[in-house]
């Protein structure tokens, strides 16, 4: 038997609750990701390479890196998440699993939320864990690194939630990656601004509570609204395919 074969989505009985269905979808996506390690490692390697090459291509001066280090890490994290979004629904669409997901008796928006949560755990969370090491590389102090990790912990789920909408809208289209970037990057800008602004404020000794509250509001809005938009976009894409 081929070890890379993707596990099929088993039909879920109507008696199974939404939480159990979400857990099943989450666990399946995690298993699939570990069977396709290249998709799992590409965003992480891209993140490391961008942060590593930036000082070589611009300036290795300590003062410059301290000032721009948070921005470098945030932009690299944003692009890494964007790089992984094309695979969020693509494989399930190609093998017919997505149609089964839409036909499940449980609400589609909850199943999409589970898939997006799995995407963040596999892509966004490793970026957060790598950030302290790369923060030291760009000469950020301990307090700035702590605030940077906190902003990434709040901000990367927002990137995954927003990205899921674009991935659903562009599903099945040619040159979907380019269109996905054009749709999603403008929506990422507020998260990027507040993420880097929080670290800059912390480096200057200013209070960061307001910045973190706004980022928390972004996260709440994304978790509340994004699954509904993604589910609607998936239905539209499937009906047009």
Protein backbone atom coordinates (compact mmCIF):
# COMPACT_ATOMS: atom_id res chain seq x y z
CA UNK A 1 0.00 0.00 0.00
CA UNK A 2 1.26 3.47 -0.85
CA UNK A 3 2.36 5.24 2.34
CA UNK A 4 1.50 8.65 0.86
CA UNK A 5 -2.12 7.75 0.23
CA UNK A 6 -4.40 10.35 1.75
CA UNK A 7 -6.95 9.03 4.27
CA UNK A 8 -10.52 9.40 3.04
CA UNK A 9 -12.99 11.48 4.98
CA UNK A 10 -15.37 9.04 6.63
CA UNK A 11 -19.08 9.92 6.49
CA UNK A 12 -20.17 11.46 9.78
CA UNK A 13 -23.43 10.32 11.32
CA UNK A 14 -26.05 12.90 12.19
CA UNK A 15 -25.80 11.71 15.80
CA UNK A 16 -22.20 12.89 15.98
CA UNK A 17 -21.98 16.33 17.54
CA UNK A 18 -20.34 19.33 15.86
CA UNK A 19 -17.38 19.30 18.25
CA UNK A 20 -16.64 15.63 17.54
CA UNK A 21 -16.90 16.31 13.79
CA UNK A 22 -14.52 19.25 14.10
CA UNK A 23 -12.07 17.10 16.05
CA UNK A 24 -12.22 14.41 13.35
CA UNK A 25 -11.53 16.92 10.56
CA UNK A 26 -8.71 18.51 12.57
CA UNK A 27 -7.06 15.15 13.30
CA UNK A 28 -7.35 14.05 9.66
CA UNK A 29 -5.73 17.26 8.36
CA UNK A 30 -2.85 16.85 10.82
CA UNK A 31 -2.29 13.25 9.70
CA UNK A 32 -2.37 14.26 6.03
CA UNK A 33 0.11 17.09 6.64
CA UNK A 34 2.65 14.77 8.25
CA UNK A 35 2.36 12.42 5.27
CA UNK A 36 3.16 15.31 2.90
CA UNK A 37 6.14 16.77 4.71
CA UNK A 38 7.25 18.96 1.81
CA UNK A 39 4.11 21.07 2.15
CA UNK A 40 4.72 21.24 5.88
CA UNK A 41 8.38 22.26 5.69
CA UNK A 42 8.29 24.71 2.77
CA UNK A 43 6.78 27.67 4.71
CA UNK A 44 9.18 27.14 7.63
CA UNK A 45 12.24 26.98 5.38
CA UNK A 46 11.01 30.05 3.49
CA UNK A 47 10.60 31.92 6.80
CA UNK A 48 14.13 31.05 7.89
CA UNK A 49 15.69 31.90 4.51
CA UNK A 50 14.00 35.31 4.23
CA UNK A 51 15.09 36.36 7.72
CA UNK A 52 18.61 35.00 7.16
CA UNK A 53 19.14 36.59 3.74
CA UNK A 54 17.67 40.00 4.54
CA UNK A 55 20.71 41.28 6.52
CA UNK A 56 23.02 40.03 3.76
CA UNK A 57 21.09 41.84 1.05
CA UNK A 58 20.34 45.10 2.88
CA UNK A 59 22.58 45.85 5.86
CA UNK A 60 24.15 43.75 8.63
CA UNK A 61 24.53 46.75 10.96
CA UNK A 62 23.25 46.07 14.46
CA UNK A 63 21.43 49.40 14.78
CA UNK A 64 19.53 48.82 11.53
CA UNK A 65 18.58 45.25 12.43
CA UNK A 66 17.35 46.31 15.88
CA UNK A 67 15.13 48.93 14.28
CA UNK A 68 13.77 46.80 11.44
CA UNK A 69 14.04 43.29 12.91
CA UNK A 70 10.41 43.05 13.98
CA UNK A 71 9.27 44.19 10.53
CA UNK A 72 11.52 41.64 8.84
CA UNK A 73 10.13 38.79 10.94
CA UNK A 74 6.52 39.89 10.49
CA UNK A 75 6.81 40.23 6.71
CA UNK A 76 8.57 36.87 6.49
CA UNK A 77 5.83 35.25 8.61
CA UNK A 78 3.10 36.84 6.50
CA UNK A 79 4.64 35.59 3.26
CA UNK A 80 5.20 32.13 4.74
CA UNK A 81 1.53 31.82 5.68
CA UNK A 82 0.56 33.10 2.23
CA UNK A 83 2.81 30.48 0.63
CA UNK A 84 0.97 27.67 2.41
CA UNK A 85 -2.59 28.84 1.73
CA UNK A 86 -2.89 27.38 -1.76
CA UNK A 87 -2.81 23.88 -0.24
CA UNK A 88 -5.47 24.57 2.40
CA UNK A 89 -8.34 23.23 0.27
CA UNK A 90 -6.53 22.26 -2.94
CA UNK A 91 -5.73 18.63 -2.16
CA UNK A 92 -9.20 17.95 -0.79
CA UNK A 93 -10.70 19.55 -3.88
CA UNK A 94 -8.59 17.42 -6.22
CA UNK A 95 -9.44 14.07 -4.60
CA UNK A 96 -13.13 14.77 -3.97
CA UNK A 97 -12.89 15.00 -0.18
CA UNK A 98 -14.15 18.56 -0.21
CA UNK A 99 -17.47 17.52 -1.76
CA UNK A 100 -17.89 14.98 1.04
CA UNK A 101 -17.14 17.70 3.57
CA UNK A 102 -19.86 19.93 2.14
CA UNK A 103 -22.38 17.06 2.28
CA UNK A 104 -21.79 16.32 5.96
CA UNK A 105 -24.80 16.94 8.25
CA UNK A 106 -22.72 19.16 10.53
CA UNK A 107 -22.50 22.90 9.76
CA UNK A 108 -19.89 23.52 7.08
CA UNK A 109 -18.54 26.65 8.76
CA UNK A 110 -17.51 24.61 11.82
CA UNK A 111 -15.68 22.05 9.68
CA UNK A 112 -13.94 24.88 7.81
CA UNK A 113 -12.96 26.38 11.17
CA UNK A 114 -11.41 23.04 12.13
CA UNK A 115 -9.45 22.88 8.86
CA UNK A 116 -8.23 26.46 9.36
CA UNK A 117 -7.22 25.69 12.95
CA UNK A 118 -5.22 22.70 11.73
CA UNK A 119 -3.55 24.93 9.13
CA UNK A 120 -2.52 27.40 11.85
CA UNK A 121 -1.20 24.67 14.16
CA UNK A 122 0.89 23.24 11.32
CA UNK A 123 2.07 26.55 9.83
CA UNK A 124 1.50 29.55 12.10
CA UNK A 125 2.44 27.98 15.43
CA UNK A 126 5.85 26.72 14.20
CA UNK A 127 6.58 30.27 12.99
CA UNK A 128 5.85 31.56 16.48
CA UNK A 129 8.19 28.94 17.97
CA UNK A 130 10.97 29.86 15.52
CA UNK A 131 10.62 33.60 16.13
CA UNK A 132 12.76 33.81 19.33
CA UNK A 133 15.76 32.21 17.61
CA UNK A 134 15.48 34.47 14.57
CA UNK A 135 14.81 37.45 16.83
CA UNK A 136 18.19 36.93 18.45
CA UNK A 137 19.70 36.75 14.95
CA UNK A 138 18.42 40.26 14.15
CA UNK A 139 19.62 41.58 17.56
CA UNK A 140 16.23 42.17 19.19
CA UNK A 141 16.31 42.45 22.99
CA UNK A 142 14.48 40.04 25.26
CA UNK A 143 11.43 42.24 25.85
CA UNK A 144 11.02 42.91 22.11
CA UNK A 145 11.28 39.19 21.35
CA UNK A 146 8.61 38.40 23.95
CA UNK A 147 6.24 41.02 22.51
CA UNK A 148 7.03 39.85 18.97
CA UNK A 149 6.12 36.26 19.85
CA UNK A 150 2.91 37.45 21.51
CA UNK A 151 1.89 39.49 18.46
CA UNK A 152 2.65 36.53 16.18
CA UNK A 153 0.66 34.25 18.45
CA UNK A 154 -2.34 36.57 18.11
CA UNK A 155 -1.75 37.64 14.51
CA UNK A 156 -0.93 34.43 12.67
CA UNK A 157 -4.37 32.87 13.34
CA UNK A 158 -5.88 36.02 11.80
CA UNK A 159 -3.68 35.50 8.73
CA UNK A 160 -4.87 31.90 8.43
CA UNK A 161 -8.53 32.86 8.87
CA UNK A 162 -8.40 35.64 6.28
CA UNK A 163 -6.34 33.47 3.96
CA UNK A 164 -8.93 30.69 4.13
CA UNK A 165 -11.47 33.02 2.53
CA UNK A 166 -9.15 33.77 -0.38
CA UNK A 167 -8.16 30.11 -0.75
CA UNK A 168 -11.84 29.14 -0.96
CA UNK A 169 -12.65 31.88 -3.47
CA UNK A 170 -9.79 30.97 -5.82
CA UNK A 171 -10.31 27.20 -5.57
CA UNK A 172 -10.20 25.53 -8.96
CA UNK A 173 -9.00 28.63 -10.84
CA UNK A 174 -5.94 28.80 -13.04
CA UNK A 175 -3.10 30.91 -11.62
CA UNK A 176 -4.92 30.78 -8.30
CA UNK A 177 -1.74 31.60 -6.39
CA UNK A 178 -1.32 35.01 -8.03
CA UNK A 179 -4.99 35.87 -7.61
CA UNK A 180 -4.90 34.70 -4.00
CA UNK A 181 -2.01 37.07 -3.27
CA UNK A 182 -3.81 40.00 -4.86
CA UNK A 183 -6.94 39.31 -2.84
CA UNK A 184 -5.37 38.62 0.53
CA UNK A 185 -2.32 40.88 0.91
CA UNK A 186 -4.37 44.13 1.21
CA UNK A 187 -6.37 42.51 4.02
CA UNK A 188 -3.16 41.48 5.78
CA UNK A 189 -1.82 45.05 5.96
CA UNK A 190 -3.67 46.12 9.17
CA UNK A 191 -2.42 43.02 10.99
CA UNK A 192 1.11 43.71 9.78
CA UNK A 193 0.97 47.37 10.84
CA UNK A 194 -0.28 46.65 14.36
CA UNK A 195 2.02 43.65 14.77
CA UNK A 196 5.17 45.61 13.99
CA UNK A 197 3.83 48.73 15.75
CA UNK A 198 3.38 46.80 18.98
CA UNK A 199 7.00 45.66 18.99
CA UNK A 200 8.21 49.17 18.11
CA UNK A 201 6.19 50.64 20.97
CA UNK A 202 7.59 48.05 23.39
CA UNK A 203 11.15 48.84 22.27
CA UNK A 204 10.54 52.53 23.05
CA UNK A 205 9.08 51.74 26.46
CA UNK A 206 5.56 52.83 25.52
CA UNK A 207 2.47 50.92 26.72
CA UNK A 208 1.37 48.19 24.34
CA UNK A 209 -1.98 47.28 25.88
CA UNK A 210 -3.93 49.22 23.26
CA UNK A 211 -2.07 47.56 20.39
CA UNK A 212 -2.63 44.10 21.82
CA UNK A 213 -6.31 44.85 22.44
CA UNK A 214 -6.76 45.83 18.80
CA UNK A 215 -4.99 42.69 17.62
CA UNK A 216 -7.19 40.66 19.93
CA UNK A 217 -10.22 42.33 18.37
CA UNK A 218 -8.92 41.35 14.92
CA UNK A 219 -8.64 37.75 16.13
CA UNK A 220 -12.16 37.70 17.57
CA UNK A 221 -13.61 39.15 14.37
CA UNK A 222 -11.66 36.69 12.22
CA UNK A 223 -12.74 33.65 14.24
CA UNK A 224 -16.35 34.88 14.28
CA UNK A 225 -16.79 35.90 10.65
CA UNK A 226 -14.16 34.09 8.57
CA UNK A 227 -15.63 30.54 8.81
CA UNK A 228 -18.98 31.73 7.46
CA UNK A 229 -17.33 33.58 4.56
CA UNK A 230 -15.03 30.65 3.78
CA UNK A 231 -17.93 28.17 3.83
CA UNK A 232 -19.97 30.35 1.48
CA UNK A 233 -16.97 30.77 -0.84
CA UNK A 234 -16.42 26.99 -0.90
CA UNK A 235 -20.03 26.38 -1.92
CA UNK A 236 -19.69 28.94 -4.72
CA UNK A 237 -16.42 27.44 -5.96
CA UNK A 238 -17.79 23.91 -5.91
CA UNK A 239 -20.96 24.89 -7.71
CA UNK A 240 -18.87 26.50 -10.48
CA UNK A 241 -16.40 23.62 -10.85
